[in-house]
Structures are given as structure tokens and as C-alpha cells.
Amino acid sequence: MNVLVIYTYPNHESLSHAFLEKVIQGSKENSNIKGLQVLDLYEEGFNPLLVFNEHKRRRDMHRDPQLEKYRNQITWADKIVFIYPIWWGRPPAMLMGYIDQLFSANFAYRDKKGLFPEGLLKGKSVVCVSTMKGPAKYPLLWLNDAHKFLMKRALFNFVGIKKVKFFEFGNMESPKGKQIQKLEKVYRYFRKVAS
């Protein structure tokens, strides 16, 4: 199994980065994982802005040479791991800009007759590791689980990815947030995951 980790947080002295380290550690100790790549969107200087004009059209994004490296990473990966904070009930704009550009028509999906397109990323799986300041049940009780709905149904299922796992951790700025236990939970998952 090849694992691509997409990390979206600007501070390497953060809890989000500690989760990244645990994903890497667990993955390296897992004999089922043959390849591991990490894409740090901030360190990479990824430009999340969409630009469309007479030279750059939306329908051609799947052929954009500036995005070829990132398309190759997604194609290579069997499992894609996203590590990010939840800000304002959703992933950061940097990650959404990456998604807007990479999960494009004729790469991630293809339009066809009927209500839904054909997902072109079938067979892959996704893990989302997200943290937030608010209570753990806040997204469910206050936002009707909008974050999970957005990521799973509106994005991943749309492009053919059916296997999606969430580690959504709340109270992460609280001294009672059980950060050590949550880091260990993520580490144990990646140390043992088989597909």
C-alpha cells in the first residue's frame, strides 16, 4: 500500500504537526505500507488560488502542467491522509484550494449521462485527521456534521472514494483534551492498518 499524507497547518510546533509525526511513525512501522510521501502544503508554497482566463480554463485543469506533480502523487497513492484543523466548521482555505484544483473533471471524475458523474479515483481510501478548539460534539450538534458530510459525500464519494475514516478531535486547546491518548490512537491505527 502507498500512502500520501497531505498536511495543512503553518506551524511545525503544533498539535497538528504532532499528529503528522504519529502518522509517519505508525506508517513506517507497518509492513503493509510500502511507500510513504508527505505533502506539506504550506512548506511547499502551494498556491490555493484558482485562476481562469483566456490562457487557463477550468475544463483544462486536469492537464495543467503546474499540477502534474500533485496529480501523480494522487494516482500513486492507495490511501490519502489529510491532516488539518477545522476552522469555522470546515477545512482551511489552503486545503480547499488544493482540492478545488486537484479533484478536477477528467482526473478525479468524468461527466456522463445521468445524475452523477463517474468517479475516477475508485479503489483508493481516505483518512481525515482533524482537530478543533471547540467541543468534540460541536460539529454534530451545532453544524449537523457539515464537515464530515462535505468531505465524505460531497467530495470523496463524488470522485469514487467510498472508504473514508475520520479522526475528528475536539477540545484540543484544553488541558483536559487528552491529546496524548488521541495521538496514540492515530499512531496505533497507522501501525496496523491493512488497506
N, C-alpha and C. Protein backbone atom coordinates (compact mmCIF):
# COMPACT_ATOMS: atom_id res chain seq x y z
N MET A 1 0.84 -1.19 0.00
CA MET A 1 0.00 0.00 0.00
C MET A 1 0.88 1.25 0.00
N ASN A 2 0.55 2.21 -0.84
CA ASN A 2 1.21 3.51 -0.88
C ASN A 2 0.35 4.55 -0.19
N VAL A 3 0.96 5.33 0.68
CA VAL A 3 0.23 6.32 1.48
C VAL A 3 0.75 7.72 1.16
N LEU A 4 -0.16 8.60 0.82
CA LEU A 4 0.13 10.02 0.61
C LEU A 4 -0.49 10.79 1.76
N VAL A 5 0.32 11.56 2.47
CA VAL A 5 -0.15 12.38 3.59
C VAL A 5 -0.12 13.84 3.15
N ILE A 6 -1.26 14.50 3.24
CA ILE A 6 -1.36 15.92 2.88
C ILE A 6 -1.59 16.70 4.17
N TYR A 7 -0.58 17.45 4.55
CA TYR A 7 -0.57 18.17 5.82
C TYR A 7 -0.85 19.65 5.57
N THR A 8 -1.80 20.19 6.31
CA THR A 8 -2.20 21.58 6.09
C THR A 8 -2.26 22.33 7.41
N TYR A 9 -1.11 22.83 7.84
CA TYR A 9 -1.05 23.69 9.02
C TYR A 9 0.29 24.43 8.96
N PRO A 10 0.29 25.75 9.22
CA PRO A 10 1.51 26.53 9.01
C PRO A 10 2.56 26.42 10.11
N ASN A 11 2.26 25.77 11.22
CA ASN A 11 3.17 25.74 12.36
C ASN A 11 3.65 24.31 12.62
N HIS A 12 4.97 24.11 12.60
CA HIS A 12 5.53 22.79 12.86
C HIS A 12 5.72 22.52 14.34
N GLU A 13 5.39 23.48 15.18
CA GLU A 13 5.45 23.28 16.65
C GLU A 13 4.03 23.13 17.19
N SER A 14 3.18 22.49 16.43
CA SER A 14 1.75 22.43 16.77
C SER A 14 1.30 21.00 17.04
N LEU A 15 0.10 20.88 17.58
CA LEU A 15 -0.52 19.57 17.77
C LEU A 15 -0.78 18.91 16.42
N SER A 16 -1.17 19.68 15.43
CA SER A 16 -1.38 19.12 14.08
C SER A 16 -0.10 18.46 13.58
N HIS A 17 1.04 19.10 13.82
CA HIS A 17 2.30 18.52 13.38
C HIS A 17 2.64 17.26 14.19
N ALA A 18 2.25 17.25 15.46
CA ALA A 18 2.44 16.04 16.26
C ALA A 18 1.62 14.88 15.69
N PHE A 19 0.42 15.16 15.19
CA PHE A 19 -0.37 14.12 14.53
C PHE A 19 0.33 13.65 13.25
N LEU A 20 0.90 14.58 12.50
CA LEU A 20 1.66 14.20 11.31
C LEU A 20 2.80 13.26 11.69
N GLU A 21 3.53 13.58 12.74
CA GLU A 21 4.64 12.72 13.17
C GLU A 21 4.15 11.33 13.56
N LYS A 22 2.99 11.24 14.21
CA LYS A 22 2.45 9.93 14.61
C LYS A 22 1.99 9.14 13.39
N VAL A 23 1.42 9.80 12.39
CA VAL A 23 1.03 9.11 11.15
C VAL A 23 2.28 8.55 10.48
N ILE A 24 3.34 9.35 10.40
CA ILE A 24 4.58 8.90 9.77
C ILE A 24 5.19 7.74 10.56
N GLN A 25 5.26 7.88 11.88
CA GLN A 25 5.84 6.84 12.71
C GLN A 25 5.08 5.52 12.56
N GLY A 26 3.76 5.57 12.69
CA GLY A 26 2.96 4.36 12.56
C GLY A 26 3.07 3.74 11.18
N SER A 27 3.10 4.58 10.14
CA SER A 27 3.20 4.09 8.76
C SER A 27 4.53 3.39 8.51
N LYS A 28 5.61 3.95 9.06
CA LYS A 28 6.93 3.35 8.86
C LYS A 28 7.07 2.01 9.58
N GLU A 29 6.28 1.80 10.63
CA GLU A 29 6.32 0.55 11.38
C GLU A 29 5.33 -0.48 10.85
N ASN A 30 4.58 -0.14 9.81
CA ASN A 30 3.54 -1.01 9.27
C ASN A 30 4.07 -1.71 8.01
N SER A 31 4.17 -3.02 8.07
CA SER A 31 4.72 -3.77 6.92
C SER A 31 3.78 -3.76 5.72
N ASN A 32 2.52 -3.37 5.90
CA ASN A 32 1.58 -3.27 4.78
C ASN A 32 1.82 -2.02 3.93
N ILE A 33 2.52 -1.05 4.50
CA ILE A 33 2.76 0.22 3.81
C ILE A 33 4.14 0.17 3.16
N LYS A 34 4.14 0.16 1.85
CA LYS A 34 5.38 0.04 1.07
C LYS A 34 5.97 1.40 0.70
N GLY A 35 5.11 2.39 0.50
CA GLY A 35 5.57 3.72 0.10
C GLY A 35 4.87 4.79 0.90
N LEU A 36 5.58 5.86 1.26
CA LEU A 36 5.02 6.96 2.04
C LEU A 36 5.54 8.28 1.47
N GLN A 37 4.63 9.18 1.12
CA GLN A 37 5.00 10.53 0.69
C GLN A 37 4.23 11.52 1.56
N VAL A 38 4.89 12.62 1.90
CA VAL A 38 4.26 13.69 2.69
C VAL A 38 4.28 14.97 1.86
N LEU A 39 3.13 15.59 1.74
CA LEU A 39 3.00 16.89 1.07
C LEU A 39 2.55 17.90 2.12
N ASP A 40 3.44 18.80 2.49
CA ASP A 40 3.14 19.88 3.43
C ASP A 40 2.78 21.10 2.57
N LEU A 41 1.50 21.41 2.49
CA LEU A 41 1.05 22.45 1.56
C LEU A 41 1.66 23.82 1.85
N TYR A 42 1.84 24.16 3.13
CA TYR A 42 2.44 25.45 3.45
C TYR A 42 3.94 25.45 3.12
N GLU A 43 4.63 24.40 3.51
CA GLU A 43 6.07 24.33 3.23
C GLU A 43 6.33 24.29 1.72
N GLU A 44 5.43 23.64 1.01
CA GLU A 44 5.52 23.53 -0.45
C GLU A 44 5.29 24.87 -1.13
N GLY A 45 4.61 25.79 -0.44
CA GLY A 45 4.24 27.06 -1.05
C GLY A 45 3.13 26.87 -2.07
N PHE A 46 2.26 25.88 -1.82
CA PHE A 46 1.17 25.60 -2.75
C PHE A 46 0.28 26.83 -2.89
N ASN A 47 -0.04 27.19 -4.13
CA ASN A 47 -0.91 28.34 -4.39
C ASN A 47 -2.36 27.86 -4.47
N PRO A 48 -3.19 28.19 -3.47
CA PRO A 48 -4.57 27.70 -3.46
C PRO A 48 -5.53 28.50 -4.35
N LEU A 49 -5.04 29.58 -4.97
CA LEU A 49 -5.94 30.45 -5.74
C LEU A 49 -6.23 29.86 -7.12
N LEU A 50 -7.50 29.82 -7.45
CA LEU A 50 -7.90 29.42 -8.79
C LEU A 50 -7.75 30.62 -9.73
N VAL A 51 -7.17 30.38 -10.88
CA VAL A 51 -7.02 31.44 -11.89
C VAL A 51 -7.59 30.90 -13.20
N PHE A 52 -8.59 31.58 -13.70
CA PHE A 52 -9.15 31.24 -15.00
C PHE A 52 -9.16 32.48 -15.86
N ASN A 53 -8.64 32.34 -17.08
CA ASN A 53 -8.62 33.45 -18.01
C ASN A 53 -8.55 32.87 -19.43
N GLU A 54 -8.16 33.70 -20.41
CA GLU A 54 -8.13 33.21 -21.79
C GLU A 54 -7.03 32.15 -22.01
N HIS A 55 -6.05 32.08 -21.09
CA HIS A 55 -4.96 31.10 -21.22
C HIS A 55 -5.15 29.88 -20.32
N LYS A 56 -5.98 30.03 -19.32
CA LYS A 56 -6.15 28.96 -18.33
C LYS A 56 -7.64 28.76 -18.09
N ARG A 57 -8.13 27.60 -18.57
CA ARG A 57 -9.57 27.34 -18.47
C ARG A 57 -9.83 26.21 -17.47
N ARG A 58 -10.98 26.30 -16.83
CA ARG A 58 -11.32 25.29 -15.81
C ARG A 58 -11.37 23.89 -16.42
N ARG A 59 -11.91 23.76 -17.60
CA ARG A 59 -12.05 22.43 -18.20
C ARG A 59 -10.71 21.79 -18.55
N ASP A 60 -9.61 22.57 -18.48
CA ASP A 60 -8.28 22.04 -18.79
C ASP A 60 -7.44 21.77 -17.53
N MET A 61 -8.02 21.92 -16.35
CA MET A 61 -7.24 21.76 -15.12
C MET A 61 -6.59 20.38 -15.02
N HIS A 62 -7.22 19.36 -15.56
CA HIS A 62 -6.66 18.00 -15.48
C HIS A 62 -5.38 17.84 -16.30
N ARG A 63 -5.07 18.86 -17.12
CA ARG A 63 -3.84 18.83 -17.92
C ARG A 63 -2.85 19.92 -17.52
N ASP A 64 -3.17 20.70 -16.51
CA ASP A 64 -2.32 21.82 -16.10
C ASP A 64 -0.94 21.30 -15.69
N PRO A 65 0.13 21.70 -16.40
CA PRO A 65 1.47 21.17 -16.09
C PRO A 65 1.95 21.55 -14.69
N GLN A 66 1.46 22.67 -14.15
CA GLN A 66 1.87 23.08 -12.80
C GLN A 66 1.31 22.15 -11.72
N LEU A 67 0.28 21.38 -12.06
CA LEU A 67 -0.34 20.47 -11.10
C LEU A 67 0.03 19.01 -11.33
N GLU A 68 0.86 18.75 -12.33
CA GLU A 68 1.17 17.36 -12.69
C GLU A 68 1.80 16.58 -11.54
N LYS A 69 2.71 17.19 -10.83
CA LYS A 69 3.36 16.53 -9.68
C LYS A 69 2.31 16.05 -8.67
N TYR A 70 1.34 16.90 -8.39
CA TYR A 70 0.31 16.58 -7.39
C TYR A 70 -0.65 15.51 -7.92
N ARG A 71 -0.98 15.57 -9.20
CA ARG A 71 -1.82 14.52 -9.79
C ARG A 71 -1.10 13.17 -9.72
N ASN A 72 0.20 13.17 -10.00
CA ASN A 72 0.98 11.93 -9.93
C ASN A 72 0.98 11.36 -8.52
N GLN A 73 1.05 12.22 -7.52
CA GLN A 73 1.01 11.74 -6.13
C GLN A 73 -0.32 11.06 -5.82
N ILE A 74 -1.42 11.67 -6.26
CA ILE A 74 -2.74 11.09 -6.01
C ILE A 74 -2.89 9.77 -6.76
N THR A 75 -2.44 9.72 -7.99
CA THR A 75 -2.51 8.49 -8.78
C THR A 75 -1.72 7.38 -8.11
N TRP A 76 -0.55 7.70 -7.61
CA TRP A 76 0.35 6.73 -6.96
C TRP A 76 -0.26 6.17 -5.67
N ALA A 77 -0.98 6.99 -4.93
CA ALA A 77 -1.45 6.62 -3.59
C ALA A 77 -2.62 5.64 -3.62
N ASP A 78 -2.56 4.68 -2.69
CA ASP A 78 -3.71 3.82 -2.41
C ASP A 78 -4.55 4.43 -1.29
N LYS A 79 -3.88 5.06 -0.34
CA LYS A 79 -4.56 5.72 0.78
C LYS A 79 -4.07 7.16 0.84
N ILE A 80 -5.01 8.09 0.94
CA ILE A 80 -4.69 9.51 1.05
C ILE A 80 -5.10 9.96 2.45
N VAL A 81 -4.16 10.57 3.17
CA VAL A 81 -4.39 11.01 4.54
C VAL A 81 -4.34 12.54 4.56
N PHE A 82 -5.38 13.14 5.09
CA PHE A 82 -5.43 14.60 5.22
C PHE A 82 -5.33 14.94 6.70
N ILE A 83 -4.38 15.82 7.06
CA ILE A 83 -4.23 16.28 8.44
C ILE A 83 -4.41 17.80 8.42
N TYR A 84 -5.39 18.28 9.19
CA TYR A 84 -5.74 19.71 9.14
C TYR A 84 -6.58 20.09 10.36
N PRO A 85 -6.62 21.37 10.69
CA PRO A 85 -7.54 21.85 11.72
C PRO A 85 -8.91 22.14 11.09
N ILE A 86 -9.91 22.16 11.91
CA ILE A 86 -11.23 22.61 11.46
C ILE A 86 -11.37 24.06 11.91
N TRP A 87 -11.46 24.95 10.94
CA TRP A 87 -11.65 26.38 11.20
C TRP A 87 -12.99 26.79 10.63
N TRP A 88 -13.81 27.41 11.45
CA TRP A 88 -15.14 27.85 11.03
C TRP A 88 -15.96 26.69 10.47
N GLY A 89 -15.80 25.51 11.08
CA GLY A 89 -16.61 24.36 10.71
C GLY A 89 -16.18 23.63 9.45
N ARG A 90 -15.01 23.98 8.90
CA ARG A 90 -14.57 23.35 7.65
C ARG A 90 -13.04 23.35 7.60
N PRO A 91 -12.46 22.63 6.64
CA PRO A 91 -11.00 22.63 6.48
C PRO A 91 -10.49 24.02 6.09
N PRO A 92 -9.20 24.28 6.30
CA PRO A 92 -8.63 25.58 5.94
C PRO A 92 -8.72 25.86 4.44
N ALA A 93 -8.71 27.14 4.10
CA ALA A 93 -8.80 27.56 2.70
C ALA A 93 -7.66 26.98 1.87
N MET A 94 -6.46 26.83 2.46
CA MET A 94 -5.32 26.25 1.74
C MET A 94 -5.67 24.85 1.24
N LEU A 95 -6.27 24.02 2.11
CA LEU A 95 -6.63 22.67 1.70
C LEU A 95 -7.77 22.69 0.69
N MET A 96 -8.73 23.56 0.88
CA MET A 96 -9.85 23.63 -0.07
C MET A 96 -9.35 24.08 -1.45
N GLY A 97 -8.35 24.96 -1.48
CA GLY A 97 -7.76 25.37 -2.77
C GLY A 97 -7.05 24.22 -3.46
N TYR A 98 -6.39 23.37 -2.67
CA TYR A 98 -5.76 22.17 -3.22
C TYR A 98 -6.84 21.26 -3.81
N ILE A 99 -7.89 21.04 -3.06
CA ILE A 99 -8.99 20.17 -3.51
C ILE A 99 -9.64 20.75 -4.77
N ASP A 100 -9.90 22.04 -4.79
CA ASP A 100 -10.52 22.67 -5.96
C ASP A 100 -9.71 22.41 -7.23
N GLN A 101 -8.39 22.44 -7.11
CA GLN A 101 -7.54 22.30 -8.29
C GLN A 101 -7.24 20.85 -8.66
N LEU A 102 -7.08 19.99 -7.66
CA LEU A 102 -6.65 18.61 -7.95
C LEU A 102 -7.81 17.67 -8.22
N PHE A 103 -8.93 17.86 -7.58
CA PHE A 103 -10.05 16.95 -7.77
C PHE A 103 -10.92 17.49 -8.91
N SER A 104 -10.30 17.56 -10.07
CA SER A 104 -10.91 18.22 -11.22
C SER A 104 -11.54 17.20 -12.18
N ALA A 105 -12.38 17.74 -13.06
CA ALA A 105 -13.02 16.91 -14.09
C ALA A 105 -11.95 16.29 -14.98
N ASN A 106 -12.19 15.08 -15.38
CA ASN A 106 -11.32 14.28 -16.26
C ASN A 106 -10.04 13.81 -15.59
N PHE A 107 -9.90 14.09 -14.29
CA PHE A 107 -8.86 13.47 -13.48
C PHE A 107 -9.49 12.73 -12.31
N ALA A 108 -10.31 13.42 -11.52
CA ALA A 108 -10.95 12.80 -10.36
C ALA A 108 -12.34 12.26 -10.69
N TYR A 109 -12.98 12.83 -11.67
CA TYR A 109 -14.31 12.37 -12.10
C TYR A 109 -14.50 12.70 -13.57
N ARG A 110 -15.50 12.04 -14.17
CA ARG A 110 -15.81 12.30 -15.57
C ARG A 110 -17.33 12.43 -15.69
N ASP A 111 -17.76 13.49 -16.32
CA ASP A 111 -19.19 13.68 -16.54
C ASP A 111 -19.71 12.61 -17.49
N LYS A 112 -20.92 12.16 -17.22
CA LYS A 112 -21.57 11.18 -18.08
C LYS A 112 -23.06 11.45 -18.05
N LYS A 113 -23.80 10.75 -18.87
CA LYS A 113 -25.24 10.93 -18.86
C LYS A 113 -25.79 10.45 -17.52
N GLY A 114 -26.76 11.17 -17.03
CA GLY A 114 -27.35 10.80 -15.75
C GLY A 114 -27.08 11.84 -14.69
N LEU A 115 -27.52 11.53 -13.50
CA LEU A 115 -27.46 12.48 -12.40
C LEU A 115 -26.04 12.67 -11.85
N PHE A 116 -25.29 11.58 -11.72
CA PHE A 116 -23.97 11.66 -11.10
C PHE A 116 -22.86 11.32 -12.10
N PRO A 117 -21.69 11.90 -11.89
CA PRO A 117 -20.56 11.58 -12.77
C PRO A 117 -19.94 10.24 -12.40
N GLU A 118 -18.99 9.83 -13.19
CA GLU A 118 -18.22 8.62 -12.88
C GLU A 118 -16.99 9.03 -12.07
N GLY A 119 -16.86 8.47 -10.88
CA GLY A 119 -15.68 8.72 -10.05
C GLY A 119 -14.47 7.99 -10.62
N LEU A 120 -13.38 8.70 -10.80
CA LEU A 120 -12.18 8.10 -11.40
C LEU A 120 -11.12 7.71 -10.37
N LEU A 121 -11.41 7.91 -9.09
CA LEU A 121 -10.45 7.57 -8.04
C LEU A 121 -10.91 6.35 -7.24
N LYS A 122 -11.67 5.48 -7.89
CA LYS A 122 -12.17 4.27 -7.24
C LYS A 122 -11.01 3.41 -6.76
N GLY A 123 -11.24 2.70 -5.66
CA GLY A 123 -10.24 1.80 -5.13
C GLY A 123 -9.31 2.44 -4.12
N LYS A 124 -9.31 3.75 -4.04
CA LYS A 124 -8.50 4.45 -3.05
C LYS A 124 -9.30 4.60 -1.75
N SER A 125 -8.60 4.86 -0.66
CA SER A 125 -9.27 5.15 0.60
C SER A 125 -8.69 6.45 1.16
N VAL A 126 -9.43 7.03 2.10
CA VAL A 126 -9.05 8.32 2.68
C VAL A 126 -9.16 8.24 4.19
N VAL A 127 -8.25 8.92 4.88
CA VAL A 127 -8.34 9.14 6.32
C VAL A 127 -8.20 10.64 6.55
N CYS A 128 -9.12 11.21 7.31
CA CYS A 128 -9.07 12.62 7.69
C CYS A 128 -8.76 12.70 9.18
N VAL A 129 -7.66 13.37 9.53
CA VAL A 129 -7.30 13.61 10.92
C VAL A 129 -7.46 15.11 11.14
N SER A 130 -8.46 15.49 11.91
CA SER A 130 -8.73 16.92 12.09
C SER A 130 -8.87 17.26 13.57
N THR A 131 -8.48 18.48 13.88
CA THR A 131 -8.53 18.97 15.25
C THR A 131 -9.31 20.27 15.29
N MET A 132 -9.88 20.54 16.47
CA MET A 132 -10.60 21.80 16.65
C MET A 132 -10.54 22.23 18.11
N LYS A 133 -10.71 23.50 18.32
CA LYS A 133 -10.72 24.06 19.66
C LYS A 133 -12.01 23.70 20.38
N GLY A 134 -13.13 23.72 19.68
CA GLY A 134 -14.44 23.51 20.29
C GLY A 134 -14.66 22.09 20.76
N PRO A 135 -15.79 21.87 21.44
CA PRO A 135 -16.11 20.55 21.96
C PRO A 135 -16.22 19.50 20.86
N ALA A 136 -15.95 18.26 21.20
CA ALA A 136 -15.95 17.16 20.23
C ALA A 136 -17.29 17.01 19.53
N LYS A 137 -18.39 17.24 20.22
CA LYS A 137 -19.72 17.06 19.63
C LYS A 137 -20.24 18.31 18.92
N TYR A 138 -19.46 19.39 18.93
CA TYR A 138 -19.89 20.64 18.30
C TYR A 138 -20.30 20.47 16.83
N PRO A 139 -19.46 19.81 15.99
CA PRO A 139 -19.85 19.68 14.58
C PRO A 139 -21.15 18.91 14.39
N LEU A 140 -21.36 17.89 15.21
CA LEU A 140 -22.57 17.08 15.09
C LEU A 140 -23.80 17.84 15.57
N LEU A 141 -23.72 18.40 16.77
CA LEU A 141 -24.90 19.01 17.39
C LEU A 141 -25.21 20.41 16.85
N TRP A 142 -24.19 21.17 16.50
CA TRP A 142 -24.42 22.55 16.09
C TRP A 142 -24.42 22.72 14.57
N LEU A 143 -23.62 21.92 13.88
CA LEU A 143 -23.44 22.10 12.44
C LEU A 143 -23.98 20.93 11.62
N ASN A 144 -24.73 20.03 12.25
CA ASN A 144 -25.30 18.87 11.54
C ASN A 144 -24.24 18.05 10.81
N ASP A 145 -23.07 17.95 11.40
CA ASP A 145 -21.96 17.17 10.83
C ASP A 145 -21.57 17.64 9.43
N ALA A 146 -21.64 18.95 9.22
CA ALA A 146 -21.36 19.52 7.90
C ALA A 146 -19.95 19.17 7.41
N HIS A 147 -18.98 19.16 8.30
CA HIS A 147 -17.60 18.87 7.90
C HIS A 147 -17.50 17.46 7.31
N LYS A 148 -18.02 16.47 8.02
CA LYS A 148 -17.95 15.10 7.52
C LYS A 148 -18.78 14.93 6.25
N PHE A 149 -19.93 15.57 6.21
CA PHE A 149 -20.79 15.49 5.02
C PHE A 149 -20.06 16.07 3.81
N LEU A 150 -19.43 17.22 4.01
CA LEU A 150 -18.68 17.87 2.94
C LEU A 150 -17.57 16.96 2.43
N MET A 151 -16.77 16.46 3.34
CA MET A 151 -15.60 15.68 2.93
C MET A 151 -16.00 14.32 2.34
N LYS A 152 -16.90 13.61 3.00
CA LYS A 152 -17.23 12.26 2.56
C LYS A 152 -18.15 12.25 1.35
N ARG A 153 -19.30 12.90 1.47
CA ARG A 153 -20.31 12.77 0.43
C ARG A 153 -20.10 13.73 -0.73
N ALA A 154 -19.83 15.00 -0.41
CA ALA A 154 -19.73 16.00 -1.48
C ALA A 154 -18.40 15.91 -2.22
N LEU A 155 -17.37 15.35 -1.60
CA LEU A 155 -16.08 15.28 -2.26
C LEU A 155 -15.68 13.83 -2.57
N PHE A 156 -15.35 13.06 -1.55
CA PHE A 156 -14.74 11.75 -1.80
C PHE A 156 -15.67 10.77 -2.49
N ASN A 157 -16.91 10.65 -2.05
CA ASN A 157 -17.85 9.74 -2.74
C ASN A 157 -18.07 10.19 -4.18
N PHE A 158 -18.08 11.49 -4.40
CA PHE A 158 -18.30 12.06 -5.74
C PHE A 158 -17.23 11.60 -6.72
N VAL A 159 -15.98 11.45 -6.23
CA VAL A 159 -14.87 11.06 -7.11
C VAL A 159 -14.58 9.56 -7.04
N GLY A 160 -15.48 8.81 -6.40
CA GLY A 160 -15.37 7.35 -6.40
C GLY A 160 -14.72 6.74 -5.18
N ILE A 161 -14.31 7.55 -4.20
CA ILE A 161 -13.68 7.02 -2.99
C ILE A 161 -14.77 6.75 -1.96
N LYS A 162 -14.98 5.48 -1.66
CA LYS A 162 -16.07 5.08 -0.76
C LYS A 162 -15.59 4.84 0.67
N LYS A 163 -14.32 4.45 0.82
CA LYS A 163 -13.79 4.12 2.15
C LYS A 163 -13.15 5.37 2.76
N VAL A 164 -13.86 5.99 3.71
CA VAL A 164 -13.41 7.23 4.33
C VAL A 164 -13.49 7.08 5.85
N LYS A 165 -12.39 7.33 6.54
CA LYS A 165 -12.35 7.25 8.01
C LYS A 165 -12.01 8.63 8.56
N PHE A 166 -12.68 8.98 9.67
CA PHE A 166 -12.44 10.27 10.32
C PHE A 166 -11.88 10.07 11.72
N PHE A 167 -10.85 10.84 12.03
CA PHE A 167 -10.41 11.08 13.40
C PHE A 167 -10.66 12.57 13.61
N GLU A 168 -11.78 12.91 14.24
CA GLU A 168 -12.16 14.31 14.44
C GLU A 168 -12.09 14.60 15.93
N PHE A 169 -11.06 15.35 16.34
CA PHE A 169 -10.78 15.55 17.75
C PHE A 169 -11.11 16.96 18.20
N GLY A 170 -11.95 17.07 19.22
CA GLY A 170 -12.32 18.36 19.79
C GLY A 170 -11.61 18.63 21.10
N ASN A 171 -11.81 19.83 21.63
CA ASN A 171 -11.21 20.29 22.89
C ASN A 171 -9.68 20.25 22.86
N MET A 172 -9.10 20.50 21.72
CA MET A 172 -7.67 20.31 21.59
C MET A 172 -6.83 21.43 22.20
N GLU A 173 -7.45 22.53 22.62
CA GLU A 173 -6.70 23.57 23.32
C GLU A 173 -6.92 23.51 24.82
N SER A 174 -7.66 22.50 25.26
CA SER A 174 -7.96 22.35 26.68
C SER A 174 -6.92 21.44 27.34
N PRO A 175 -6.54 21.74 28.60
CA PRO A 175 -5.64 20.84 29.31
C PRO A 175 -6.29 19.46 29.54
N LYS A 176 -7.60 19.39 29.41
CA LYS A 176 -8.33 18.12 29.58
C LYS A 176 -8.67 17.48 28.24
N GLY A 177 -7.95 17.86 27.18
CA GLY A 177 -8.27 17.38 25.83
C GLY A 177 -7.76 16.00 25.49
N LYS A 178 -7.02 15.36 26.41
CA LYS A 178 -6.50 14.01 26.20
C LYS A 178 -5.68 13.90 24.90
N GLN A 179 -4.84 14.89 24.69
CA GLN A 179 -4.06 14.94 23.46
C GLN A 179 -3.14 13.72 23.30
N ILE A 180 -2.50 13.29 24.38
CA ILE A 180 -1.57 12.16 24.30
C ILE A 180 -2.31 10.90 23.86
N GLN A 181 -3.49 10.65 24.45
CA GLN A 181 -4.27 9.45 24.08
C GLN A 181 -4.71 9.51 22.62
N LYS A 182 -5.06 10.70 22.16
CA LYS A 182 -5.52 10.84 20.77
C LYS A 182 -4.36 10.66 19.79
N LEU A 183 -3.20 11.17 20.15
CA LEU A 183 -2.02 10.95 19.31
C LEU A 183 -1.69 9.45 19.23
N GLU A 184 -1.79 8.76 20.36
CA GLU A 184 -1.52 7.32 20.37
C GLU A 184 -2.55 6.54 19.57
N LYS A 185 -3.81 6.99 19.60
CA LYS A 185 -4.87 6.32 18.83
C LYS A 185 -4.55 6.38 17.33
N VAL A 186 -4.13 7.54 16.86
CA VAL A 186 -3.78 7.70 15.44
C VAL A 186 -2.55 6.87 15.11
N TYR A 187 -1.55 6.90 15.98
CA TYR A 187 -0.34 6.09 15.76
C TYR A 187 -0.69 4.61 15.64
N ARG A 188 -1.50 4.09 16.57
CA ARG A 188 -1.87 2.66 16.55
C ARG A 188 -2.63 2.31 15.28
N TYR A 189 -3.50 3.19 14.82
CA TYR A 189 -4.25 2.93 13.60
C TYR A 189 -3.29 2.75 12.41
N PHE A 190 -2.36 3.67 12.25
CA PHE A 190 -1.47 3.60 11.09
C PHE A 190 -0.43 2.48 11.23
N ARG A 191 -0.15 2.09 12.42
CA ARG A 191 0.78 0.97 12.63
C ARG A 191 0.16 -0.36 12.20
N LYS A 192 -1.17 -0.45 12.24
CA LYS A 192 -1.84 -1.73 11.97
C LYS A 192 -2.69 -1.77 10.70
N VAL A 193 -3.03 -0.61 10.15
CA VAL A 193 -3.99 -0.59 9.02
C VAL A 193 -3.47 -1.44 7.87
N ALA A 194 -4.41 -2.19 7.29
CA ALA A 194 -4.03 -3.13 6.22
C ALA A 194 -4.45 -2.67 4.84
N SER A 195 -5.44 -1.78 4.75
CA SER A 195 -5.87 -1.29 3.42
C SER A 195 -6.53 0.06 3.55
